[in-house]
Amino acid sequence: MRNLDEFAAALSQVTAQATGAAVTSAQTQSVIAAAASGGEDAVRRAVAGMSTAELQQLPQQLKR
């Protein structure tokens, strides 16, 4: 039973990380699209709802 609990916890952690990466990737794409089509104001609107952690990840995502 303990191994199953450990596996479930590890799976939950990996799933949360993958979900977070997908959200960050989608947000990065929206920032790129805003910059390409709308300029500075569009980018401001695109990043307005992002957390500090998400904003800190943005440069790494843009390099990919």
PDB file of N, CA and C in Angstrom:
ATOM      1  N   MET A   1       0.820  -1.193   0.000  1.00  0.00           N
ATOM      2  CA  MET A   1       0.000   0.000   0.000  1.00  0.00           C
ATOM      3  C   MET A   1       0.866   1.260   0.000  1.00  0.00           C
ATOM      4  N   ARG A   2       1.966   1.247   0.738  1.00  0.00           N
ATOM      5  CA  ARG A   2       2.834   2.409   0.810  1.00  0.00           C
ATOM      6  C   ARG A   2       3.401   2.761  -0.563  1.00  0.00           C
ATOM      7  N   ASN A   3       3.814   1.755  -1.339  1.00  0.00           N
ATOM      8  CA  ASN A   3       4.356   2.008  -2.671  1.00  0.00           C
ATOM      9  C   ASN A   3       3.319   2.642  -3.577  1.00  0.00           C
ATOM     10  N   LEU A   4       2.086   2.194  -3.453  1.00  0.00           N
ATOM     11  CA  LEU A   4       1.005   2.766  -4.254  1.00  0.00           C
ATOM     12  C   LEU A   4       0.762   4.225  -3.875  1.00  0.00           C
ATOM     13  N   ASP A   5       0.807   4.516  -2.589  1.00  0.00           N
ATOM     14  CA  ASP A   5       0.635   5.903  -2.129  1.00  0.00           C
ATOM     15  C   ASP A   5       1.774   6.790  -2.629  1.00  0.00           C
ATOM     16  N   GLU A   6       3.001   6.271  -2.582  1.00  0.00           N
ATOM     17  CA  GLU A   6       4.153   7.027  -3.076  1.00  0.00           C
ATOM     18  C   GLU A   6       4.044   7.264  -4.575  1.00  0.00           C
ATOM     19  N   PHE A   7       3.604   6.231  -5.296  1.00  0.00           N
ATOM     20  CA  PHE A   7       3.429   6.372  -6.736  1.00  0.00           C
ATOM     21  C   PHE A   7       2.353   7.416  -7.046  1.00  0.00           C
ATOM     22  N   ALA A   8       1.253   7.377  -6.330  1.00  0.00           N
ATOM     23  CA  ALA A   8       0.165   8.336  -6.543  1.00  0.00           C
ATOM     24  C   ALA A   8       0.633   9.756  -6.254  1.00  0.00           C
ATOM     25  N   ALA A   9       1.419   9.934  -5.214  1.00  0.00           N
ATOM     26  CA  ALA A   9       1.938  11.261  -4.884  1.00  0.00           C
ATOM     27  C   ALA A   9       2.894  11.756  -5.974  1.00  0.00           C
ATOM     28  N   ALA A  10       3.767  10.886  -6.445  1.00  0.00           N
ATOM     29  CA  ALA A  10       4.707  11.264  -7.503  1.00  0.00           C
ATOM     30  C   ALA A  10       3.970  11.583  -8.798  1.00  0.00           C
ATOM     31  N   LEU A  11       2.979  10.791  -9.123  1.00  0.00           N
ATOM     32  CA  LEU A  11       2.187  11.027 -10.329  1.00  0.00           C
ATOM     33  C   LEU A  11       1.447  12.357 -10.231  1.00  0.00           C
ATOM     34  N   SER A  12       0.917  12.643  -9.076  1.00  0.00           N
ATOM     35  CA  SER A  12       0.220  13.916  -8.866  1.00  0.00           C
ATOM     36  C   SER A  12       1.162  15.091  -9.047  1.00  0.00           C
ATOM     37  N   GLN A  13       2.370  14.966  -8.536  1.00  0.00           N
ATOM     38  CA  GLN A  13       3.362  16.039  -8.665  1.00  0.00           C
ATOM     39  C   GLN A  13       3.741  16.254 -10.134  1.00  0.00           C
ATOM     40  N   VAL A  14       3.996  15.188 -10.855  1.00  0.00           N
ATOM     41  CA  VAL A  14       4.364  15.286 -12.272  1.00  0.00           C
ATOM     42  C   VAL A  14       3.214  15.887 -13.076  1.00  0.00           C
ATOM     43  N   THR A  15       2.006  15.474 -12.773  1.00  0.00           N
ATOM     44  CA  THR A  15       0.834  16.006 -13.470  1.00  0.00           C
ATOM     45  C   THR A  15       0.691  17.497 -13.222  1.00  0.00           C
ATOM     46  N   ALA A  16       0.902  17.925 -11.993  1.00  0.00           N
ATOM     47  CA  ALA A  16       0.818  19.351 -11.665  1.00  0.00           C
ATOM     48  C   ALA A  16       1.887  20.141 -12.404  1.00  0.00           C
ATOM     49  N   GLN A  17       3.086  19.601 -12.486  1.00  0.00           N
ATOM     50  CA  GLN A  17       4.170  20.278 -13.207  1.00  0.00           C
ATOM     51  C   GLN A  17       3.868  20.378 -14.694  1.00  0.00           C
ATOM     52  N   ALA A  18       3.357  19.311 -15.277  1.00  0.00           N
ATOM     53  CA  ALA A  18       3.021  19.320 -16.701  1.00  0.00           C
ATOM     54  C   ALA A  18       1.897  20.308 -16.987  1.00  0.00           C
ATOM     55  N   THR A  19       0.917  20.359 -16.114  1.00  0.00           N
ATOM     56  CA  THR A  19      -0.186  21.309 -16.275  1.00  0.00           C
ATOM     57  C   THR A  19       0.336  22.734 -16.190  1.00  0.00           C
ATOM     58  N   GLY A  20       1.203  22.982 -15.228  1.00  0.00           N
ATOM     59  CA  GLY A  20       1.790  24.316 -15.088  1.00  0.00           C
ATOM     60  C   GLY A  20       2.600  24.712 -16.310  1.00  0.00           C
ATOM     61  N   ALA A  21       3.348  23.774 -16.859  1.00  0.00           N
ATOM     62  CA  ALA A  21       4.145  24.056 -18.059  1.00  0.00           C
ATOM     63  C   ALA A  21       3.245  24.354 -19.248  1.00  0.00           C
ATOM     64  N   ALA A  22       2.159  23.635 -19.369  1.00  0.00           N
ATOM     65  CA  ALA A  22       1.232  23.865 -20.482  1.00  0.00           C
ATOM     66  C   ALA A  22       0.582  25.239 -20.370  1.00  0.00           C
ATOM     67  N   VAL A  23       0.203  25.618 -19.153  1.00  0.00           N
ATOM     68  CA  VAL A  23      -0.401  26.939 -18.941  1.00  0.00           C
ATOM     69  C   VAL A  23       0.608  28.020 -19.275  1.00  0.00           C
ATOM     70  N   THR A  24       1.839  27.871 -18.806  1.00  0.00           N
ATOM     71  CA  THR A  24       2.876  28.861 -19.078  1.00  0.00           C
ATOM     72  C   THR A  24       3.148  28.955 -20.574  1.00  0.00           C
ATOM     73  N   SER A  25       3.179  27.829 -21.258  1.00  0.00           N
ATOM     74  CA  SER A  25       3.400  27.825 -22.698  1.00  0.00           C
ATOM     75  C   SER A  25       2.267  28.547 -23.423  1.00  0.00           C
ATOM     76  N   ALA A  26       1.044  28.298 -23.017  1.00  0.00           N
ATOM     77  CA  ALA A  26      -0.108  28.963 -23.639  1.00  0.00           C
ATOM     78  C   ALA A  26      -0.059  30.467 -23.380  1.00  0.00           C
ATOM     79  N   GLN A  27       0.326  30.854 -22.177  1.00  0.00           N
ATOM     80  CA  GLN A  27       0.433  32.270 -21.862  1.00  0.00           C
ATOM     81  C   GLN A  27       1.531  32.923 -22.697  1.00  0.00           C
ATOM     82  N   THR A  28       2.637  32.217 -22.864  1.00  0.00           N
ATOM     83  CA  THR A  28       3.735  32.746 -23.677  1.00  0.00           C
ATOM     84  C   THR A  28       3.275  32.956 -25.108  1.00  0.00           C
ATOM     85  N   GLN A  29       2.526  32.008 -25.639  1.00  0.00           N
ATOM     86  CA  GLN A  29       2.026  32.148 -27.006  1.00  0.00           C
ATOM     87  C   GLN A  29       1.094  33.347 -27.128  1.00  0.00           C
ATOM     88  N   SER A  30       0.291  33.602 -26.096  1.00  0.00           N
ATOM     89  CA  SER A  30      -0.613  34.753 -26.158  1.00  0.00           C
ATOM     90  C   SER A  30       0.169  36.056 -26.099  1.00  0.00           C
ATOM     91  N   VAL A  31       1.251  36.084 -25.336  1.00  0.00           N
ATOM     92  CA  VAL A  31       2.100  37.282 -25.282  1.00  0.00           C
ATOM     93  C   VAL A  31       2.766  37.508 -26.636  1.00  0.00           C
ATOM     94  N   ILE A  32       3.261  36.452 -27.252  1.00  0.00           N
ATOM     95  CA  ILE A  32       3.895  36.569 -28.573  1.00  0.00           C
ATOM     96  C   ILE A  32       2.891  37.073 -29.605  1.00  0.00           C
ATOM     97  N   ALA A  33       1.693  36.502 -29.591  1.00  0.00           N
ATOM     98  CA  ALA A  33       0.652  36.931 -30.534  1.00  0.00           C
ATOM     99  C   ALA A  33       0.276  38.390 -30.299  1.00  0.00           C
ATOM    100  N   ALA A  34       0.183  38.792 -29.042  1.00  0.00           N
ATOM    101  CA  ALA A  34      -0.152  40.182 -28.726  1.00  0.00           C
ATOM    102  C   ALA A  34       0.937  41.125 -29.222  1.00  0.00           C
ATOM    103  N   ALA A  35       2.191  40.738 -29.031  1.00  0.00           N
ATOM    104  CA  ALA A  35       3.296  41.576 -29.487  1.00  0.00           C
ATOM    105  C   ALA A  35       3.320  41.684 -31.004  1.00  0.00           C
ATOM    106  N   ALA A  36       3.002  40.589 -31.677  1.00  0.00           N
ATOM    107  CA  ALA A  36       3.028  40.580 -33.139  1.00  0.00           C
ATOM    108  C   ALA A  36       1.896  41.397 -33.747  1.00  0.00           C
ATOM    109  N   SER A  37       0.760  41.413 -33.075  1.00  0.00           N
ATOM    110  CA  SER A  37      -0.403  42.056 -33.693  1.00  0.00           C
ATOM    111  C   SER A  37      -0.808  43.386 -33.088  1.00  0.00           C
ATOM    112  N   GLY A  38      -0.569  43.554 -31.797  1.00  0.00           N
ATOM    113  CA  GLY A  38      -1.128  44.733 -31.157  1.00  0.00           C
ATOM    114  C   GLY A  38      -0.144  45.690 -30.525  1.00  0.00           C
ATOM    115  N   GLY A  39       1.089  45.307 -30.444  1.00  0.00           N
ATOM    116  CA  GLY A  39       2.072  46.190 -29.870  1.00  0.00           C
ATOM    117  C   GLY A  39       2.072  46.210 -28.349  1.00  0.00           C
ATOM    118  N   GLU A  40       2.580  47.306 -27.806  1.00  0.00           N
ATOM    119  CA  GLU A  40       2.828  47.425 -26.371  1.00  0.00           C
ATOM    120  C   GLU A  40       1.568  47.286 -25.517  1.00  0.00           C
ATOM    121  N   ASP A  41       0.504  47.954 -25.889  1.00  0.00           N
ATOM    122  CA  ASP A  41      -0.725  47.880 -25.089  1.00  0.00           C
ATOM    123  C   ASP A  41      -1.289  46.459 -25.058  1.00  0.00           C
ATOM    124  N   ALA A  42      -1.225  45.762 -26.171  1.00  0.00           N
ATOM    125  CA  ALA A  42      -1.720  44.384 -26.229  1.00  0.00           C
ATOM    126  C   ALA A  42      -0.882  43.472 -25.343  1.00  0.00           C
ATOM    127  N   VAL A  43       0.415  43.695 -25.315  1.00  0.00           N
ATOM    128  CA  VAL A  43       1.289  42.894 -24.455  1.00  0.00           C
ATOM    129  C   VAL A  43       0.985  43.178 -22.995  1.00  0.00           C
ATOM    130  N   ARG A  44       0.773  44.423 -22.652  1.00  0.00           N
ATOM    131  CA  ARG A  44       0.412  44.771 -21.266  1.00  0.00           C
ATOM    132  C   ARG A  44      -0.859  44.037 -20.841  1.00  0.00           C
ATOM    133  N   ARG A  45      -1.853  44.011 -21.715  1.00  0.00           N
ATOM    134  CA  ARG A  45      -3.094  43.301 -21.397  1.00  0.00           C
ATOM    135  C   ARG A  45      -2.843  41.805 -21.260  1.00  0.00           C
ATOM    136  N   ALA A  46      -1.978  41.256 -22.107  1.00  0.00           N
ATOM    137  CA  ALA A  46      -1.697  39.814 -22.084  1.00  0.00           C
ATOM    138  C   ALA A  46      -0.990  39.398 -20.797  1.00  0.00           C
ATOM    139  N   VAL A  47      -0.126  40.241 -20.263  1.00  0.00           N
ATOM    140  CA  VAL A  47       0.626  39.874 -19.061  1.00  0.00           C
ATOM    141  C   VAL A  47      -0.039  40.365 -17.777  1.00  0.00           C
ATOM    142  N   ALA A  48      -1.104  41.134 -17.893  1.00  0.00           N
ATOM    143  CA  ALA A  48      -1.747  41.718 -16.714  1.00  0.00           C
ATOM    144  C   ALA A  48      -2.213  40.670 -15.712  1.00  0.00           C
ATOM    145  N   GLY A  49      -2.671  39.533 -16.172  1.00  0.00           N
ATOM    146  CA  GLY A  49      -3.186  38.514 -15.274  1.00  0.00           C
ATOM    147  C   GLY A  49      -2.162  37.470 -14.857  1.00  0.00           C
ATOM    148  N   MET A  50      -0.935  37.616 -15.284  1.00  0.00           N
ATOM    149  CA  MET A  50       0.089  36.621 -14.963  1.00  0.00           C
ATOM    150  C   MET A  50       0.685  36.898 -13.587  1.00  0.00           C
ATOM    151  N   SER A  51       1.029  35.826 -12.884  1.00  0.00           N
ATOM    152  CA  SER A  51       1.670  35.962 -11.576  1.00  0.00           C
ATOM    153  C   SER A  51       3.142  36.328 -11.751  1.00  0.00           C
ATOM    154  N   THR A  52       3.769  36.707 -10.663  1.00  0.00           N
ATOM    155  CA  THR A  52       5.191  37.031 -10.701  1.00  0.00           C
ATOM    156  C   THR A  52       6.007  35.827 -11.168  1.00  0.00           C
ATOM    157  N   ALA A  53       5.675  34.649 -10.675  1.00  0.00           N
ATOM    158  CA  ALA A  53       6.399  33.431 -11.077  1.00  0.00           C
ATOM    159  C   ALA A  53       6.237  33.178 -12.571  1.00  0.00           C
ATOM    160  N   GLU A  54       5.033  33.376 -13.091  1.00  0.00           N
ATOM    161  CA  GLU A  54       4.796  33.172 -14.524  1.00  0.00           C
ATOM    162  C   GLU A  54       5.572  34.188 -15.347  1.00  0.00           C
ATOM    163  N   LEU A  55       5.621  35.418 -14.876  1.00  0.00           N
ATOM    164  CA  LEU A  55       6.385  36.448 -15.585  1.00  0.00           C
ATOM    165  C   LEU A  55       7.879  36.134 -15.559  1.00  0.00           C
ATOM    166  N   GLN A  56       8.348  35.565 -14.458  1.00  0.00           N
ATOM    167  CA  GLN A  56       9.772  35.209 -14.368  1.00  0.00           C
ATOM    168  C   GLN A  56      10.113  34.057 -15.306  1.00  0.00           C
ATOM    169  N   GLN A  57       9.155  33.193 -15.607  1.00  0.00           N
ATOM    170  CA  GLN A  57       9.387  32.076 -16.526  1.00  0.00           C
ATOM    171  C   GLN A  57       9.301  32.514 -17.988  1.00  0.00           C
ATOM    172  N   LEU A  58       8.707  33.643 -18.242  1.00  0.00           N
ATOM    173  CA  LEU A  58       8.480  34.096 -19.617  1.00  0.00           C
ATOM    174  C   LEU A  58       9.758  34.178 -20.453  1.00  0.00           C
ATOM    175  N   PRO A  59      10.860  34.741 -19.940  1.00  0.00           N
ATOM    176  CA  PRO A  59      12.076  34.782 -20.781  1.00  0.00           C
ATOM    177  C   PRO A  59      12.579  33.410 -21.220  1.00  0.00           C
ATOM    178  N   GLN A  60      12.523  32.426 -20.308  1.00  0.00           N
ATOM    179  CA  GLN A  60      12.964  31.074 -20.675  1.00  0.00           C
ATOM    180  C   GLN A  60      12.041  30.490 -21.727  1.00  0.00           C
ATOM    181  N   GLN A  61      10.742  30.738 -21.603  1.00  0.00           N
ATOM    182  CA  GLN A  61       9.790  30.225 -22.581  1.00  0.00           C
ATOM    183  C   GLN A  61      10.017  30.880 -23.942  1.00  0.00           C
ATOM    184  N   LEU A  62      10.355  32.150 -23.957  1.00  0.00           N
ATOM    185  CA  LEU A  62      10.580  32.850 -25.224  1.00  0.00           C
ATOM    186  C   LEU A  62      11.823  32.339 -25.953  1.00  0.00           C
ATOM    187  N   LYS A  63      12.780  31.818 -25.211  1.00  0.00           N
ATOM    188  CA  LYS A  63      14.001  31.283 -25.815  1.00  0.00           C
ATOM    189  C   LYS A  63      13.770  29.944 -26.491  1.00  0.00           C
ATOM    190  N   ARG A  64      12.686  29.251 -26.153  1.00  0.00           N
ATOM    191  CA  ARG A  64      12.424  27.914 -26.710  1.00  0.00           C
ATOM    192  C   ARG A  64      11.908  27.982 -28.104  1.00  0.00           C
TER     193      ARG A  64
END
